[in-house]
C-alpha atoms as a PDB file:
ATOM      1  CA  MET A   1     -10.891 -10.940  14.366  1.00  0.00           C
ATOM      2  CA  PHE A   2     -11.542 -12.396  10.289  1.00  0.00           C
ATOM      3  CA  SER A   3     -14.795 -14.295   9.122  1.00  0.00           C
ATOM      4  CA  ARG A   4     -15.837 -14.501   6.536  1.00  0.00           C
ATOM      5  CA  SER A   5     -18.746 -14.158   4.610  1.00  0.00           C
ATOM      6  CA  GLU A   6     -20.963 -17.419   4.089  1.00  0.00           C
ATOM      7  CA  THR A   7     -20.096 -16.700  -0.432  1.00  0.00           C
ATOM      8  CA  GLU A   8     -16.893 -16.461   0.731  1.00  0.00           C
ATOM      9  CA  SER A   9     -14.034 -19.335   0.258  1.00  0.00           C
ATOM     10  CA  GLU A  10     -10.834 -16.513   1.546  1.00  0.00           C
ATOM     11  CA  LEU A  11     -10.265 -13.366   2.428  1.00  0.00           C
ATOM     12  CA  GLU A  12      -9.524 -10.969   0.324  1.00  0.00           C
ATOM     13  CA  ILE A  13      -6.749  -8.190   0.284  1.00  0.00           C
ATOM     14  CA  THR A  14      -7.731  -4.864  -1.602  1.00  0.00           C
ATOM     15  CA  ALA A  15      -4.896  -1.666  -0.792  1.00  0.00           C
ATOM     16  CA  TYR A  16      -4.323   1.846  -1.581  1.00  0.00           C
ATOM     17  CA  SER A  17      -2.033   4.056  -1.813  1.00  0.00           C
ATOM     18  CA  ASP A  18      -1.906   8.315  -2.426  1.00  0.00           C
ATOM     19  CA  ALA A  19       1.871   9.953  -3.256  1.00  0.00           C
ATOM     20  CA  ASP A  20       1.891  13.612  -3.149  1.00  0.00           C
ATOM     21  CA  TRP A  21       3.916  15.639  -5.252  1.00  0.00           C
ATOM     22  CA  SER A  22       7.010  17.265  -4.293  1.00  0.00           C
ATOM     23  CA  GLY A  23       4.869  17.488  -0.687  1.00  0.00           C
ATOM     24  CA  ASP A  24       7.996  18.502   1.016  1.00  0.00           C
ATOM     25  CA  LYS A  25       8.883  22.086   0.615  1.00  0.00           C
ATOM     26  CA  SER A  26      13.154  21.300   1.521  1.00  0.00           C
ATOM     27  CA  GLY A  27      14.394  19.411  -0.195  1.00  0.00           C
ATOM     28  CA  ARG A  28      11.743  18.832  -3.107  1.00  0.00           C
ATOM     29  CA  ARG A  29      10.289  15.013  -2.139  1.00  0.00           C
ATOM     30  CA  SER A  30       6.797  13.025  -2.370  1.00  0.00           C
ATOM     31  CA  THR A  31       5.253  10.875   0.303  1.00  0.00           C
ATOM     32  CA  TYR A  32       3.161   8.271   0.324  1.00  0.00           C
ATOM     33  CA  GLY A  33       0.899   5.376   1.947  1.00  0.00           C
ATOM     34  CA  ASN A  34      -0.909   2.945   1.764  1.00  0.00           C
ATOM     35  CA  ILE A  35      -3.143   0.801   2.855  1.00  0.00           C
ATOM     36  CA  PHE A  36      -4.617  -2.444   2.974  1.00  0.00           C
ATOM     37  CA  PHE A  37      -7.473  -4.778   4.325  1.00  0.00           C
ATOM     38  CA  LEU A  38      -7.616  -8.294   5.021  1.00  0.00           C
ATOM     39  CA  GLY A  39     -12.138  -8.218   5.054  1.00  0.00           C
ATOM     40  CA  ASN A  40     -13.300  -5.762   6.428  1.00  0.00           C
ATOM     41  CA  ALA A  41     -10.195  -4.962   9.538  1.00  0.00           C
ATOM     42  CA  HIS A  42      -7.596  -2.193   7.801  1.00  0.00           C
ATOM     43  CA  VAL A  43      -3.962  -3.940   8.950  1.00  0.00           C
ATOM     44  CA  PRO A  44      -0.769  -2.883   7.201  1.00  0.00           C
ATOM     45  CA  TRP A  45      -0.770   0.956   6.775  1.00  0.00           C
ATOM     46  CA  SER A  46       2.249   3.368   6.448  1.00  0.00           C
ATOM     47  CA  LEU A  47       3.860   6.590   5.388  1.00  0.00           C
ATOM     48  CA  THR A  48       6.956   7.588   3.418  1.00  0.00           C
ATOM     49  CA  LYS A  49       9.063  10.031   2.240  1.00  0.00           C
ATOM     50  CA  GLU A  50       9.870   8.296  -1.567  1.00  0.00           C
ATOM     51  CA  PHE A  51      14.038   8.325  -1.654  1.00  0.00           C
ATOM     52  CA  VAL A  52      14.123  10.127  -5.296  1.00  0.00           C
ATOM     53  CA  VAL A  53      12.637  13.473  -6.265  1.00  0.00           C
ATOM     54  CA  ALA A  54      10.226  12.470  -8.748  1.00  0.00           C
ATOM     55  CA  LEU A  55       9.916  14.731 -12.059  1.00  0.00           C
ATOM     56  CA  LEU A  56       6.641  14.071 -12.900  1.00  0.00           C
ATOM     57  CA  SER A  57       3.392  13.106 -10.533  1.00  0.00           C
ATOM     58  CA  CYS A  58       2.560  10.765 -12.236  1.00  0.00           C
ATOM     59  CA  GLU A  59       5.791   8.953 -11.387  1.00  0.00           C
ATOM     60  CA  SER A  60       5.108   9.679  -7.791  1.00  0.00           C
ATOM     61  CA  GLU A  61       2.072   7.765  -8.227  1.00  0.00           C
ATOM     62  CA  TYR A  62       4.063   4.793  -9.781  1.00  0.00           C
ATOM     63  CA  ILE A  63       6.684   4.674  -6.815  1.00  0.00           C
ATOM     64  CA  ALA A  64       4.066   4.794  -4.703  1.00  0.00           C
ATOM     65  CA  THR A  65       2.319   2.019  -6.625  1.00  0.00           C
ATOM     66  CA  CYS A  66       4.791  -0.302  -6.889  1.00  0.00           C
ATOM     67  CA  GLU A  67       5.341  -0.100  -3.203  1.00  0.00           C
ATOM     68  CA  ALA A  68       2.015  -1.109  -2.139  1.00  0.00           C
ATOM     69  CA  SER A  69       2.311  -3.552  -4.631  1.00  0.00           C
ATOM     70  CA  TYR A  70       5.762  -5.049  -2.930  1.00  0.00           C
ATOM     71  CA  GLN A  71       3.753  -4.264   0.167  1.00  0.00           C
ATOM     72  CA  GLY A  72       1.045  -7.045  -0.639  1.00  0.00           C
ATOM     73  CA  VAL A  73       3.097  -9.416  -2.518  1.00  0.00           C
ATOM     74  CA  TRP A  74       4.568  -9.825   0.948  1.00  0.00           C
ATOM     75  CA  MET A  75       1.466 -10.105   3.047  1.00  0.00           C
ATOM     76  CA  GLU A  76      -0.311 -11.791   0.134  1.00  0.00           C
ATOM     77  CA  PHE A  77       3.286 -14.322   0.617  1.00  0.00           C
ATOM     78  CA  PHE A  78       2.989 -14.268   4.577  1.00  0.00           C
ATOM     79  CA  MET A  79      -0.966 -15.403   4.654  1.00  0.00           C
ATOM     80  CA  LYS A  80      -0.430 -18.437   3.067  1.00  0.00           C
ATOM     81  CA  GLY A  81       1.647 -19.273   5.366  1.00  0.00           C
ATOM     82  CA  PHE A  82      -0.801 -19.800   7.775  1.00  0.00           C
ATOM     83  CA  LYS A  83      -2.776 -21.873   5.790  1.00  0.00           C
END
């Protein structure tokens, strides 16, 4: 159940993402994950191996942030359909 407090006019989408740099020892690819919260409830989450080999840890984090941003924009567009 998604509920609003009396002071909020809209539900807030919050996202977190993280990556482990070259966590896969055989292929040297990183794994990234993200989770989204709509109000106080978590909605989608994902854990995926990156398609490319990141040369730096900050590059791995950048890839994870881009993927989370992509999913966040999609979720915002999707939620506008329910208004």
